[in-house]
N, C-alpha and C. Protein backbone atom coordinates (compact mmCIF):
# COMPACT_ATOMS: atom_id res chain seq x y z
N MET A 1 1.41 -4.89 26.22
CA MET A 1 1.82 -6.09 25.48
C MET A 1 3.12 -6.63 26.06
N SER A 2 3.15 -7.95 26.33
CA SER A 2 4.35 -8.55 26.89
C SER A 2 5.46 -8.55 25.84
N ASP A 3 6.71 -8.70 26.32
CA ASP A 3 7.85 -8.74 25.40
C ASP A 3 7.72 -9.88 24.40
N PHE A 4 7.16 -11.04 24.88
CA PHE A 4 7.08 -12.19 23.99
C PHE A 4 6.01 -11.99 22.92
N ARG A 5 4.88 -11.36 23.27
CA ARG A 5 3.86 -11.07 22.26
C ARG A 5 4.39 -10.01 21.29
N LEU A 6 5.11 -9.03 21.80
CA LEU A 6 5.70 -8.01 20.94
C LEU A 6 6.70 -8.66 19.99
N TYR A 7 7.51 -9.56 20.51
CA TYR A 7 8.50 -10.29 19.70
C TYR A 7 7.81 -10.99 18.54
N ASP A 8 6.73 -11.73 18.81
CA ASP A 8 6.02 -12.46 17.76
C ASP A 8 5.40 -11.51 16.75
N SER A 9 4.89 -10.37 17.21
CA SER A 9 4.28 -9.40 16.30
C SER A 9 5.32 -8.78 15.38
N LEU A 10 6.47 -8.41 15.92
CA LEU A 10 7.50 -7.77 15.12
C LEU A 10 8.07 -8.70 14.06
N LEU A 11 8.17 -9.99 14.38
CA LEU A 11 8.74 -10.95 13.44
C LEU A 11 7.90 -11.11 12.18
N ARG A 12 6.67 -10.62 12.18
CA ARG A 12 5.81 -10.73 11.01
C ARG A 12 6.18 -9.68 9.96
N PHE A 13 7.06 -8.73 10.30
CA PHE A 13 7.40 -7.64 9.39
C PHE A 13 8.83 -7.79 8.89
N PRO A 14 9.04 -7.57 7.57
CA PRO A 14 10.38 -7.73 7.00
C PRO A 14 11.43 -6.84 7.66
N LEU A 15 11.02 -5.71 8.24
CA LEU A 15 11.99 -4.80 8.86
C LEU A 15 12.76 -5.46 9.99
N PHE A 16 12.15 -6.46 10.63
CA PHE A 16 12.78 -7.09 11.79
C PHE A 16 13.25 -8.51 11.52
N GLN A 17 13.15 -8.95 10.27
CA GLN A 17 13.60 -10.29 9.93
C GLN A 17 15.12 -10.39 10.10
N GLY A 18 15.57 -11.54 10.62
CA GLY A 18 17.00 -11.76 10.78
C GLY A 18 17.53 -11.44 12.16
N LEU A 19 16.73 -10.75 12.99
CA LEU A 19 17.14 -10.49 14.36
C LEU A 19 16.98 -11.75 15.20
N SER A 20 17.94 -12.01 16.05
CA SER A 20 17.83 -13.15 16.94
C SER A 20 16.79 -12.85 18.03
N ARG A 21 16.39 -13.89 18.72
CA ARG A 21 15.43 -13.69 19.82
C ARG A 21 16.02 -12.77 20.88
N ALA A 22 17.29 -12.94 21.18
CA ALA A 22 17.94 -12.09 22.18
C ALA A 22 17.95 -10.63 21.74
N GLU A 23 18.24 -10.42 20.43
CA GLU A 23 18.25 -9.04 19.92
C GLU A 23 16.86 -8.43 19.95
N LEU A 24 15.85 -9.22 19.61
CA LEU A 24 14.48 -8.69 19.63
C LEU A 24 14.03 -8.39 21.06
N LEU A 25 14.40 -9.24 22.00
CA LEU A 25 14.05 -8.96 23.39
C LEU A 25 14.79 -7.72 23.89
N GLN A 26 16.02 -7.53 23.47
CA GLN A 26 16.76 -6.31 23.79
C GLN A 26 16.07 -5.10 23.18
N LEU A 27 15.70 -5.23 21.92
CA LEU A 27 15.01 -4.15 21.22
C LEU A 27 13.69 -3.80 21.92
N ALA A 28 12.94 -4.85 22.28
CA ALA A 28 11.65 -4.62 22.93
C ALA A 28 11.81 -3.91 24.27
N GLY A 29 12.89 -4.22 24.97
CA GLY A 29 13.09 -3.61 26.28
C GLY A 29 13.62 -2.19 26.22
N GLN A 30 14.27 -1.81 25.12
CA GLN A 30 14.92 -0.50 25.04
C GLN A 30 14.19 0.50 24.16
N THR A 31 13.20 0.05 23.42
CA THR A 31 12.55 0.91 22.43
C THR A 31 11.20 1.38 22.92
N LYS A 32 10.90 2.64 22.65
CA LYS A 32 9.61 3.23 23.05
C LYS A 32 8.58 2.97 21.96
N PHE A 33 7.97 1.80 22.03
CA PHE A 33 6.90 1.47 21.09
C PHE A 33 5.60 2.12 21.54
N GLY A 34 4.81 2.54 20.57
CA GLY A 34 3.46 2.98 20.86
C GLY A 34 2.48 1.90 20.46
N PHE A 35 1.33 1.88 21.10
CA PHE A 35 0.30 0.89 20.80
C PHE A 35 -1.01 1.63 20.59
N LEU A 36 -1.64 1.37 19.45
CA LEU A 36 -2.82 2.13 19.04
C LEU A 36 -3.93 1.17 18.64
N LYS A 37 -5.12 1.43 19.19
CA LYS A 37 -6.30 0.67 18.81
C LYS A 37 -7.32 1.65 18.23
N LEU A 38 -7.82 1.33 17.03
CA LEU A 38 -8.81 2.19 16.38
C LEU A 38 -10.03 1.36 16.00
N GLU A 39 -11.22 1.93 16.21
CA GLU A 39 -12.44 1.27 15.79
C GLU A 39 -12.61 1.40 14.28
N ALA A 40 -13.54 0.65 13.72
CA ALA A 40 -13.81 0.71 12.28
C ALA A 40 -14.25 2.12 11.89
N GLY A 41 -13.78 2.58 10.74
CA GLY A 41 -14.19 3.87 10.22
C GLY A 41 -13.36 5.05 10.68
N GLN A 42 -12.28 4.81 11.41
CA GLN A 42 -11.45 5.90 11.89
C GLN A 42 -10.25 6.14 10.96
N THR A 43 -9.82 7.40 10.91
CA THR A 43 -8.70 7.78 10.07
C THR A 43 -7.38 7.43 10.75
N VAL A 44 -6.49 6.80 10.01
CA VAL A 44 -5.15 6.51 10.52
C VAL A 44 -4.19 7.61 10.09
N VAL A 45 -4.10 7.87 8.80
CA VAL A 45 -3.30 8.98 8.27
C VAL A 45 -4.05 9.59 7.10
N ARG A 46 -3.70 10.85 6.79
CA ARG A 46 -4.29 11.54 5.65
C ARG A 46 -3.21 11.87 4.62
N GLU A 47 -3.57 11.79 3.37
CA GLU A 47 -2.66 12.19 2.29
C GLU A 47 -2.16 13.62 2.55
N GLY A 48 -0.85 13.81 2.44
CA GLY A 48 -0.26 15.13 2.61
C GLY A 48 0.21 15.42 4.02
N ASP A 49 -0.24 14.62 5.01
CA ASP A 49 0.24 14.81 6.39
C ASP A 49 1.72 14.45 6.46
N ALA A 50 2.46 15.16 7.33
CA ALA A 50 3.86 14.82 7.55
C ALA A 50 3.96 13.43 8.18
N CYS A 51 4.88 12.64 7.68
CA CYS A 51 5.10 11.29 8.21
C CYS A 51 6.09 11.38 9.36
N GLN A 52 5.59 11.30 10.58
CA GLN A 52 6.42 11.42 11.78
C GLN A 52 6.61 10.10 12.50
N GLN A 53 5.96 9.04 12.02
CA GLN A 53 6.09 7.75 12.68
C GLN A 53 5.71 6.63 11.72
N LEU A 54 6.13 5.42 12.04
CA LEU A 54 5.75 4.25 11.28
C LEU A 54 4.59 3.55 11.99
N PHE A 55 3.64 3.07 11.20
CA PHE A 55 2.50 2.32 11.71
C PHE A 55 2.61 0.87 11.23
N PHE A 56 2.69 -0.05 12.18
CA PHE A 56 2.72 -1.48 11.87
C PHE A 56 1.35 -2.05 12.21
N LEU A 57 0.58 -2.41 11.20
CA LEU A 57 -0.74 -3.00 11.43
C LEU A 57 -0.56 -4.46 11.84
N ILE A 58 -0.95 -4.79 13.06
CA ILE A 58 -0.77 -6.16 13.55
C ILE A 58 -2.07 -6.96 13.53
N SER A 59 -3.22 -6.27 13.46
CA SER A 59 -4.50 -6.96 13.27
C SER A 59 -5.50 -5.97 12.71
N GLY A 60 -6.42 -6.49 11.89
CA GLY A 60 -7.44 -5.63 11.32
C GLY A 60 -7.28 -5.46 9.82
N ASN A 61 -8.18 -4.65 9.26
CA ASN A 61 -8.21 -4.39 7.83
C ASN A 61 -8.33 -2.89 7.57
N LEU A 62 -7.67 -2.44 6.49
CA LEU A 62 -7.60 -1.02 6.18
C LEU A 62 -8.14 -0.72 4.80
N SER A 63 -8.60 0.51 4.63
CA SER A 63 -8.95 1.06 3.33
C SER A 63 -7.92 2.14 2.99
N VAL A 64 -7.28 2.02 1.83
CA VAL A 64 -6.24 2.96 1.40
C VAL A 64 -6.72 3.68 0.15
N THR A 65 -6.78 5.01 0.22
CA THR A 65 -7.26 5.81 -0.91
C THR A 65 -6.12 6.66 -1.47
N THR A 66 -5.87 6.52 -2.76
CA THR A 66 -4.83 7.29 -3.44
C THR A 66 -5.47 8.07 -4.58
N VAL A 67 -5.14 9.37 -4.66
CA VAL A 67 -5.76 10.26 -5.65
C VAL A 67 -4.68 10.79 -6.57
N ASN A 68 -5.01 10.92 -7.86
CA ASN A 68 -4.01 11.43 -8.80
C ASN A 68 -3.81 12.94 -8.61
N ASP A 69 -2.78 13.49 -9.24
CA ASP A 69 -2.36 14.86 -8.96
C ASP A 69 -3.44 15.90 -9.24
N ASP A 70 -4.19 15.75 -10.32
CA ASP A 70 -5.22 16.76 -10.62
C ASP A 70 -6.59 16.39 -10.07
N ARG A 71 -6.63 15.37 -9.20
CA ARG A 71 -7.84 14.96 -8.47
C ARG A 71 -8.96 14.47 -9.39
N ARG A 72 -8.59 13.95 -10.56
CA ARG A 72 -9.61 13.50 -11.52
C ARG A 72 -10.01 12.04 -11.29
N TYR A 73 -9.16 11.27 -10.64
CA TYR A 73 -9.53 9.89 -10.37
C TYR A 73 -8.80 9.40 -9.13
N SER A 74 -9.30 8.30 -8.58
CA SER A 74 -8.71 7.74 -7.36
C SER A 74 -8.92 6.23 -7.35
N VAL A 75 -8.18 5.58 -6.48
CA VAL A 75 -8.36 4.14 -6.27
C VAL A 75 -8.44 3.88 -4.77
N ILE A 76 -9.36 3.02 -4.40
CA ILE A 76 -9.54 2.61 -3.01
C ILE A 76 -9.19 1.13 -2.93
N GLU A 77 -8.28 0.78 -2.03
CA GLU A 77 -7.84 -0.60 -1.88
C GLU A 77 -8.08 -1.08 -0.47
N GLN A 78 -8.16 -2.40 -0.32
CA GLN A 78 -8.30 -3.02 0.99
C GLN A 78 -7.03 -3.81 1.30
N LEU A 79 -6.48 -3.56 2.49
CA LEU A 79 -5.26 -4.24 2.91
C LEU A 79 -5.48 -4.87 4.29
N ALA A 80 -4.84 -5.98 4.51
CA ALA A 80 -5.00 -6.71 5.77
C ALA A 80 -3.66 -6.85 6.48
N ALA A 81 -3.72 -7.06 7.80
CA ALA A 81 -2.51 -7.28 8.61
C ALA A 81 -1.84 -8.59 8.19
N PRO A 82 -0.50 -8.65 8.31
CA PRO A 82 0.41 -7.58 8.77
C PRO A 82 0.74 -6.63 7.62
N TRP A 83 0.82 -5.35 7.94
CA TRP A 83 1.10 -4.36 6.90
C TRP A 83 1.82 -3.17 7.52
N LEU A 84 2.88 -2.70 6.87
CA LEU A 84 3.61 -1.51 7.29
C LEU A 84 3.18 -0.36 6.39
N LEU A 85 2.63 0.70 6.98
CA LEU A 85 2.07 1.80 6.21
C LEU A 85 3.17 2.71 5.65
N GLN A 86 3.28 2.76 4.34
CA GLN A 86 4.06 3.75 3.60
C GLN A 86 5.43 4.07 4.24
N PRO A 87 6.29 3.07 4.43
CA PRO A 87 7.58 3.34 5.07
C PRO A 87 8.46 4.28 4.24
N GLU A 88 8.22 4.33 2.92
CA GLU A 88 9.02 5.22 2.06
C GLU A 88 8.75 6.70 2.34
N SER A 89 7.66 7.00 3.07
CA SER A 89 7.29 8.39 3.32
C SER A 89 8.04 9.02 4.49
N ILE A 90 8.74 8.22 5.28
CA ILE A 90 9.34 8.77 6.50
C ILE A 90 10.64 9.53 6.23
N PHE A 91 11.29 9.26 5.09
CA PHE A 91 12.51 9.97 4.70
C PHE A 91 12.34 10.56 3.31
N GLY A 92 13.36 11.24 2.83
CA GLY A 92 13.33 11.76 1.46
C GLY A 92 12.98 13.23 1.38
N ALA A 93 12.88 13.71 0.14
CA ALA A 93 12.62 15.13 -0.11
C ALA A 93 11.20 15.54 0.26
N HIS A 94 10.28 14.59 0.22
CA HIS A 94 8.87 14.91 0.50
C HIS A 94 8.33 13.88 1.51
N PRO A 95 8.67 14.05 2.79
CA PRO A 95 8.25 13.06 3.80
C PRO A 95 6.79 13.25 4.24
N GLN A 96 5.89 13.07 3.29
CA GLN A 96 4.45 13.13 3.58
C GLN A 96 3.79 11.84 3.08
N TYR A 97 2.67 11.51 3.72
CA TYR A 97 1.92 10.34 3.28
C TYR A 97 1.34 10.59 1.90
N GLN A 98 1.42 9.59 1.03
CA GLN A 98 0.91 9.71 -0.34
C GLN A 98 -0.52 9.23 -0.48
N SER A 99 -1.00 8.53 0.52
CA SER A 99 -2.36 7.98 0.49
C SER A 99 -3.03 8.21 1.84
N SER A 100 -4.35 8.27 1.83
CA SER A 100 -5.13 8.34 3.07
C SER A 100 -5.55 6.93 3.48
N VAL A 101 -5.51 6.68 4.79
CA VAL A 101 -5.79 5.34 5.29
C VAL A 101 -6.84 5.42 6.39
N THR A 102 -7.88 4.60 6.29
CA THR A 102 -8.89 4.48 7.34
C THR A 102 -9.06 2.99 7.69
N THR A 103 -9.65 2.74 8.84
CA THR A 103 -9.85 1.36 9.28
C THR A 103 -11.18 0.83 8.76
N LEU A 104 -11.17 -0.41 8.31
CA LEU A 104 -12.41 -1.08 7.91
C LEU A 104 -12.99 -1.91 9.05
N THR A 105 -12.12 -2.38 9.92
CA THR A 105 -12.51 -3.15 11.10
C THR A 105 -11.73 -2.60 12.28
N GLU A 106 -12.04 -3.08 13.47
CA GLU A 106 -11.19 -2.73 14.61
C GLU A 106 -9.76 -3.14 14.29
N SER A 107 -8.84 -2.22 14.48
CA SER A 107 -7.46 -2.45 14.06
C SER A 107 -6.49 -2.08 15.17
N HIS A 108 -5.41 -2.85 15.24
CA HIS A 108 -4.38 -2.62 16.25
C HIS A 108 -3.04 -2.36 15.56
N PHE A 109 -2.34 -1.38 16.07
CA PHE A 109 -1.06 -0.98 15.48
C PHE A 109 0.02 -0.92 16.56
N ILE A 110 1.25 -1.23 16.14
CA ILE A 110 2.45 -0.83 16.87
C ILE A 110 3.00 0.38 16.13
N THR A 111 3.40 1.42 16.85
CA THR A 111 3.93 2.61 16.21
C THR A 111 5.35 2.90 16.70
N LEU A 112 6.13 3.53 15.81
CA LEU A 112 7.49 3.94 16.13
C LEU A 112 7.69 5.36 15.62
N THR A 113 8.08 6.27 16.49
CA THR A 113 8.35 7.63 16.06
C THR A 113 9.59 7.67 15.18
N LYS A 114 9.73 8.75 14.44
CA LYS A 114 10.89 8.89 13.56
C LYS A 114 12.19 8.86 14.36
N ASP A 115 12.20 9.49 15.54
CA ASP A 115 13.40 9.47 16.39
C ASP A 115 13.76 8.05 16.80
N GLU A 116 12.75 7.25 17.14
CA GLU A 116 13.02 5.86 17.53
C GLU A 116 13.51 5.04 16.34
N VAL A 117 12.95 5.32 15.15
CA VAL A 117 13.42 4.63 13.94
C VAL A 117 14.89 4.93 13.69
N LEU A 118 15.26 6.20 13.82
CA LEU A 118 16.66 6.59 13.61
C LEU A 118 17.57 5.91 14.62
N ARG A 119 17.12 5.81 15.86
CA ARG A 119 17.94 5.16 16.88
C ARG A 119 18.11 3.68 16.58
N LEU A 120 17.03 3.02 16.16
CA LEU A 120 17.12 1.60 15.81
C LEU A 120 18.04 1.38 14.62
N LEU A 121 18.02 2.28 13.66
CA LEU A 121 18.91 2.17 12.51
C LEU A 121 20.37 2.30 12.93
N ASP A 122 20.62 3.12 13.95
CA ASP A 122 21.98 3.25 14.48
C ASP A 122 22.41 2.02 15.26
N ASP A 123 21.48 1.45 16.02
CA ASP A 123 21.83 0.38 16.96
C ASP A 123 21.84 -1.01 16.35
N PHE A 124 21.08 -1.23 15.28
CA PHE A 124 20.93 -2.58 14.73
C PHE A 124 21.22 -2.57 13.23
N LEU A 125 22.35 -3.13 12.87
CA LEU A 125 22.74 -3.18 11.46
C LEU A 125 21.70 -3.90 10.62
N ILE A 126 21.14 -5.00 11.14
CA ILE A 126 20.20 -5.80 10.35
C ILE A 126 18.94 -4.99 10.03
N ILE A 127 18.48 -4.13 10.95
CA ILE A 127 17.31 -3.29 10.67
C ILE A 127 17.66 -2.26 9.60
N ARG A 128 18.88 -1.72 9.68
CA ARG A 128 19.32 -0.75 8.68
C ARG A 128 19.35 -1.42 7.30
N LEU A 129 19.88 -2.64 7.22
CA LEU A 129 19.94 -3.35 5.95
C LEU A 129 18.54 -3.73 5.46
N ASN A 130 17.68 -4.13 6.38
CA ASN A 130 16.32 -4.50 5.99
C ASN A 130 15.57 -3.30 5.39
N LEU A 131 15.72 -2.14 6.00
CA LEU A 131 15.05 -0.95 5.47
C LEU A 131 15.64 -0.57 4.12
N LEU A 132 16.97 -0.64 3.99
CA LEU A 132 17.60 -0.34 2.71
C LEU A 132 17.11 -1.31 1.63
N ASN A 133 17.01 -2.59 1.97
CA ASN A 133 16.53 -3.57 1.00
C ASN A 133 15.09 -3.31 0.60
N LEU A 134 14.26 -2.95 1.59
CA LEU A 134 12.86 -2.67 1.31
C LEU A 134 12.72 -1.49 0.35
N LEU A 135 13.43 -0.40 0.64
CA LEU A 135 13.34 0.80 -0.19
C LEU A 135 14.01 0.59 -1.54
N ALA A 136 15.14 -0.15 -1.56
CA ALA A 136 15.83 -0.40 -2.82
C ALA A 136 14.99 -1.28 -3.73
N THR A 137 14.34 -2.29 -3.17
CA THR A 137 13.48 -3.16 -3.97
C THR A 137 12.34 -2.37 -4.59
N GLN A 138 11.73 -1.51 -3.80
CA GLN A 138 10.65 -0.67 -4.31
C GLN A 138 11.15 0.25 -5.41
N SER A 139 12.32 0.86 -5.21
CA SER A 139 12.90 1.76 -6.21
C SER A 139 13.25 1.01 -7.49
N GLN A 140 13.83 -0.18 -7.36
CA GLN A 140 14.20 -0.97 -8.53
C GLN A 140 12.96 -1.39 -9.33
N ARG A 141 11.91 -1.78 -8.62
CA ARG A 141 10.68 -2.20 -9.30
C ARG A 141 10.09 -1.03 -10.08
N ARG A 142 10.03 0.13 -9.45
CA ARG A 142 9.47 1.30 -10.15
C ARG A 142 10.39 1.76 -11.28
N GLY A 143 11.69 1.60 -11.08
CA GLY A 143 12.63 1.99 -12.11
C GLY A 143 12.52 1.16 -13.38
N ARG A 144 12.02 -0.07 -13.24
CA ARG A 144 11.86 -0.94 -14.41
C ARG A 144 10.56 -0.67 -15.16
N TRP A 145 9.61 0.05 -14.55
CA TRP A 145 8.31 0.24 -15.17
C TRP A 145 8.39 0.80 -16.59
N PRO A 146 9.19 1.85 -16.85
CA PRO A 146 9.21 2.38 -18.22
C PRO A 146 9.78 1.41 -19.25
N TRP A 147 10.45 0.34 -18.77
CA TRP A 147 11.15 -0.57 -19.68
C TRP A 147 10.41 -1.89 -19.88
N ARG A 148 9.25 -2.01 -19.31
CA ARG A 148 8.48 -3.25 -19.50
C ARG A 148 7.97 -3.35 -20.93
N LYS A 149 7.71 -4.56 -21.35
CA LYS A 149 7.12 -4.78 -22.67
C LYS A 149 5.78 -4.08 -22.76
N ALA A 150 5.55 -3.41 -23.88
CA ALA A 150 4.30 -2.68 -24.07
C ALA A 150 3.12 -3.65 -24.11
N PRO A 151 1.97 -3.27 -23.52
CA PRO A 151 0.79 -4.12 -23.59
C PRO A 151 0.40 -4.42 -25.04
N ALA A 152 -0.09 -5.62 -25.27
CA ALA A 152 -0.36 -6.07 -26.64
C ALA A 152 -1.60 -5.45 -27.24
N ASP A 153 -2.57 -5.08 -26.40
CA ASP A 153 -3.84 -4.56 -26.93
C ASP A 153 -4.48 -3.67 -25.87
N LEU A 154 -5.65 -3.14 -26.19
CA LEU A 154 -6.33 -2.21 -25.28
C LEU A 154 -6.67 -2.87 -23.95
N ARG A 155 -7.12 -4.09 -23.98
CA ARG A 155 -7.44 -4.79 -22.73
C ARG A 155 -6.22 -4.83 -21.81
N GLN A 156 -5.06 -5.16 -22.37
CA GLN A 156 -3.85 -5.22 -21.56
C GLN A 156 -3.42 -3.83 -21.09
N ARG A 157 -3.68 -2.80 -21.88
CA ARG A 157 -3.35 -1.43 -21.44
C ARG A 157 -4.23 -1.02 -20.26
N ILE A 158 -5.48 -1.41 -20.29
CA ILE A 158 -6.38 -1.09 -19.18
C ILE A 158 -5.95 -1.84 -17.92
N ILE A 159 -5.62 -3.11 -18.06
CA ILE A 159 -5.14 -3.89 -16.91
C ILE A 159 -3.84 -3.29 -16.37
N ARG A 160 -2.95 -2.87 -17.26
CA ARG A 160 -1.70 -2.24 -16.83
C ARG A 160 -1.99 -0.96 -16.04
N PHE A 161 -2.98 -0.19 -16.48
CA PHE A 161 -3.36 1.02 -15.75
C PHE A 161 -3.81 0.68 -14.33
N PHE A 162 -4.65 -0.33 -14.19
CA PHE A 162 -5.11 -0.74 -12.86
C PHE A 162 -3.93 -1.18 -11.99
N LEU A 163 -3.04 -1.97 -12.56
CA LEU A 163 -1.91 -2.47 -11.80
C LEU A 163 -0.98 -1.35 -11.37
N ASP A 164 -0.66 -0.45 -12.29
CA ASP A 164 0.30 0.62 -12.00
C ASP A 164 -0.23 1.61 -10.97
N HIS A 165 -1.53 1.66 -10.78
CA HIS A 165 -2.11 2.60 -9.84
C HIS A 165 -2.58 1.93 -8.54
N SER A 166 -2.02 0.76 -8.28
CA SER A 166 -2.36 0.04 -7.05
C SER A 166 -1.15 -0.03 -6.12
N VAL A 167 -1.39 0.14 -4.84
CA VAL A 167 -0.35 -0.01 -3.84
C VAL A 167 0.08 -1.47 -3.73
N TYR A 168 -0.91 -2.37 -3.81
CA TYR A 168 -0.64 -3.80 -3.66
C TYR A 168 -1.26 -4.52 -4.85
N PRO A 169 -0.51 -5.39 -5.55
CA PRO A 169 -0.99 -5.97 -6.81
C PRO A 169 -1.94 -7.14 -6.65
N ALA A 170 -2.85 -7.06 -5.71
CA ALA A 170 -3.83 -8.12 -5.49
C ALA A 170 -4.97 -7.57 -4.65
N GLY A 171 -6.04 -8.34 -4.56
CA GLY A 171 -7.14 -7.95 -3.70
C GLY A 171 -8.14 -7.03 -4.38
N PRO A 172 -9.17 -6.63 -3.65
CA PRO A 172 -10.22 -5.78 -4.23
C PRO A 172 -9.77 -4.34 -4.41
N LYS A 173 -10.20 -3.73 -5.51
CA LYS A 173 -9.90 -2.33 -5.81
C LYS A 173 -11.17 -1.65 -6.31
N THR A 174 -11.32 -0.39 -5.97
CA THR A 174 -12.41 0.42 -6.50
C THR A 174 -11.81 1.66 -7.14
N PHE A 175 -11.93 1.75 -8.45
CA PHE A 175 -11.44 2.92 -9.18
C PHE A 175 -12.60 3.87 -9.41
N ARG A 176 -12.42 5.10 -8.97
CA ARG A 176 -13.40 6.15 -9.25
C ARG A 176 -12.85 6.99 -10.39
N ILE A 177 -13.33 6.70 -11.58
CA ILE A 177 -12.80 7.34 -12.78
C ILE A 177 -13.87 7.34 -13.86
N LEU A 178 -14.04 8.45 -14.55
CA LEU A 178 -14.98 8.53 -15.66
C LEU A 178 -14.40 7.82 -16.88
N MET A 179 -15.29 7.32 -17.71
CA MET A 179 -14.86 6.57 -18.89
C MET A 179 -13.99 7.43 -19.81
N ASN A 180 -14.37 8.70 -19.96
CA ASN A 180 -13.57 9.59 -20.81
C ASN A 180 -12.16 9.75 -20.27
N GLN A 181 -12.04 9.84 -18.94
CA GLN A 181 -10.72 9.99 -18.33
C GLN A 181 -9.88 8.73 -18.52
N LEU A 182 -10.50 7.57 -18.33
CA LEU A 182 -9.77 6.32 -18.52
C LEU A 182 -9.32 6.19 -19.98
N ALA A 183 -10.20 6.56 -20.92
CA ALA A 183 -9.83 6.51 -22.33
C ALA A 183 -8.62 7.40 -22.61
N GLN A 184 -8.59 8.57 -21.97
CA GLN A 184 -7.44 9.46 -22.14
C GLN A 184 -6.18 8.84 -21.56
N GLU A 185 -6.30 8.19 -20.40
CA GLU A 185 -5.14 7.60 -19.74
C GLU A 185 -4.53 6.46 -20.56
N VAL A 186 -5.37 5.70 -21.27
CA VAL A 186 -4.87 4.55 -22.04
C VAL A 186 -4.77 4.88 -23.53
N ASN A 187 -5.00 6.16 -23.86
CA ASN A 187 -4.81 6.66 -25.24
C ASN A 187 -5.67 5.90 -26.25
N ASP A 188 -6.99 5.86 -25.95
CA ASP A 188 -7.91 5.21 -26.88
C ASP A 188 -9.25 5.92 -26.80
N SER A 189 -10.21 5.45 -27.57
CA SER A 189 -11.52 6.10 -27.60
C SER A 189 -12.40 5.62 -26.45
N ARG A 190 -13.33 6.47 -26.08
CA ARG A 190 -14.26 6.10 -25.01
C ARG A 190 -15.06 4.87 -25.39
N LEU A 191 -15.50 4.80 -26.65
CA LEU A 191 -16.31 3.67 -27.10
C LEU A 191 -15.54 2.36 -26.99
N ASP A 192 -14.28 2.35 -27.43
CA ASP A 192 -13.49 1.12 -27.37
C ASP A 192 -13.23 0.70 -25.93
N VAL A 193 -12.92 1.69 -25.06
CA VAL A 193 -12.69 1.38 -23.65
C VAL A 193 -13.95 0.81 -23.02
N SER A 194 -15.11 1.39 -23.34
CA SER A 194 -16.37 0.90 -22.81
C SER A 194 -16.64 -0.53 -23.24
N GLN A 195 -16.36 -0.84 -24.51
CA GLN A 195 -16.58 -2.20 -25.01
C GLN A 195 -15.70 -3.21 -24.29
N VAL A 196 -14.43 -2.86 -24.07
CA VAL A 196 -13.52 -3.77 -23.39
C VAL A 196 -13.94 -3.98 -21.94
N LEU A 197 -14.31 -2.91 -21.25
CA LEU A 197 -14.73 -3.02 -19.85
C LEU A 197 -16.01 -3.84 -19.72
N ASN A 198 -16.94 -3.67 -20.64
CA ASN A 198 -18.17 -4.45 -20.58
C ASN A 198 -17.90 -5.92 -20.85
N ALA A 199 -16.95 -6.22 -21.73
CA ALA A 199 -16.58 -7.61 -21.95
C ALA A 199 -15.97 -8.21 -20.69
N MET A 200 -15.15 -7.44 -19.99
CA MET A 200 -14.56 -7.92 -18.74
C MET A 200 -15.63 -8.08 -17.66
N GLN A 201 -16.63 -7.22 -17.70
CA GLN A 201 -17.75 -7.37 -16.75
C GLN A 201 -18.51 -8.66 -17.05
N ASP A 202 -18.71 -8.98 -18.32
CA ASP A 202 -19.40 -10.22 -18.69
C ASP A 202 -18.63 -11.45 -18.21
N GLU A 203 -17.31 -11.30 -18.05
CA GLU A 203 -16.48 -12.39 -17.56
C GLU A 203 -16.38 -12.39 -16.03
N SER A 204 -17.13 -11.50 -15.38
CA SER A 204 -17.16 -11.38 -13.91
C SER A 204 -15.82 -10.97 -13.33
N LEU A 205 -15.01 -10.26 -14.13
CA LEU A 205 -13.72 -9.77 -13.65
C LEU A 205 -13.83 -8.42 -12.97
N LEU A 206 -14.88 -7.68 -13.27
CA LEU A 206 -15.11 -6.38 -12.65
C LEU A 206 -16.59 -6.04 -12.75
N ARG A 207 -16.98 -4.98 -12.03
CA ARG A 207 -18.35 -4.47 -12.07
C ARG A 207 -18.32 -2.98 -12.39
N LEU A 208 -19.21 -2.54 -13.25
CA LEU A 208 -19.25 -1.15 -13.67
C LEU A 208 -20.45 -0.44 -13.07
N ARG A 209 -20.20 0.73 -12.53
CA ARG A 209 -21.24 1.67 -12.12
C ARG A 209 -20.84 3.04 -12.65
N ARG A 210 -21.72 4.00 -12.58
CA ARG A 210 -21.44 5.30 -13.15
C ARG A 210 -20.21 5.91 -12.46
N GLY A 211 -19.13 6.07 -13.21
CA GLY A 211 -17.92 6.68 -12.68
C GLY A 211 -17.14 5.79 -11.74
N ILE A 212 -17.52 4.50 -11.65
CA ILE A 212 -16.87 3.58 -10.70
C ILE A 212 -16.60 2.25 -11.38
N ILE A 213 -15.40 1.72 -11.18
CA ILE A 213 -15.04 0.38 -11.63
C ILE A 213 -14.63 -0.42 -10.40
N GLU A 214 -15.38 -1.46 -10.08
CA GLU A 214 -15.09 -2.29 -8.92
C GLU A 214 -14.43 -3.59 -9.39
N ILE A 215 -13.24 -3.86 -8.84
CA ILE A 215 -12.49 -5.06 -9.20
C ILE A 215 -12.44 -5.96 -7.96
N PRO A 216 -13.17 -7.07 -7.95
CA PRO A 216 -13.18 -7.93 -6.76
C PRO A 216 -11.81 -8.53 -6.43
N SER A 217 -11.01 -8.83 -7.47
CA SER A 217 -9.72 -9.48 -7.24
C SER A 217 -8.78 -9.09 -8.38
N LEU A 218 -7.85 -8.18 -8.09
CA LEU A 218 -6.95 -7.71 -9.14
C LEU A 218 -6.11 -8.85 -9.72
N GLU A 219 -5.73 -9.81 -8.90
CA GLU A 219 -4.88 -10.90 -9.39
C GLU A 219 -5.57 -11.71 -10.48
N HIS A 220 -6.91 -11.77 -10.43
CA HIS A 220 -7.63 -12.52 -11.48
C HIS A 220 -7.53 -11.82 -12.83
N LEU A 221 -7.40 -10.50 -12.81
CA LEU A 221 -7.19 -9.77 -14.06
C LEU A 221 -5.83 -10.07 -14.66
N LEU A 222 -4.87 -10.38 -13.80
CA LEU A 222 -3.49 -10.58 -14.26
C LEU A 222 -3.22 -11.99 -14.74
N MET A 223 -4.16 -12.90 -14.53
CA MET A 223 -3.95 -14.31 -14.88
C MET A 223 -4.11 -14.52 -16.38
């Protein structure tokens, strides 16, 4: 990849916003970027693997699967480029990937090893600030979750459950969860949860299959 194509690709990610063209060309010339092409259906990272590098998706589409702690339910999401995979996993007390990621289409990535990330943080103040802002924003958003207004009814509690268990608050989601488990999660009866979900299905907001809830567009649930 030429320096100019690399420059245009990097500018699509918040981590590199604010760098001048000269700084980006300097960065491109001094940094050991990796370039990865994967066909559809290939694994990018697995939940629990050590996070040793950052993956910048520059083209293609991904499937992201996140499973709860006791493995009773999971959510599968679709994400499109540009996307930075789980940057919060590269540092901290538990530097492992929290979700498994596979490709849905042919996908291209720029990669940066942890050593290269550390060097860039030393060399470029703006990248250091951008990463701090990214992680701080994520932390602040999650920190406010316990203080949000309580959902008004069961329907809103179910929607809140879907939202809180999504990496990205939009797009298609597939929840693999039994009705009894969902009822337990939202603190209501299985019958009431089933009635609300079927009403939402009648409104074409989701589709129900045995143990599976398919949401074509999460943002439509939030409207």
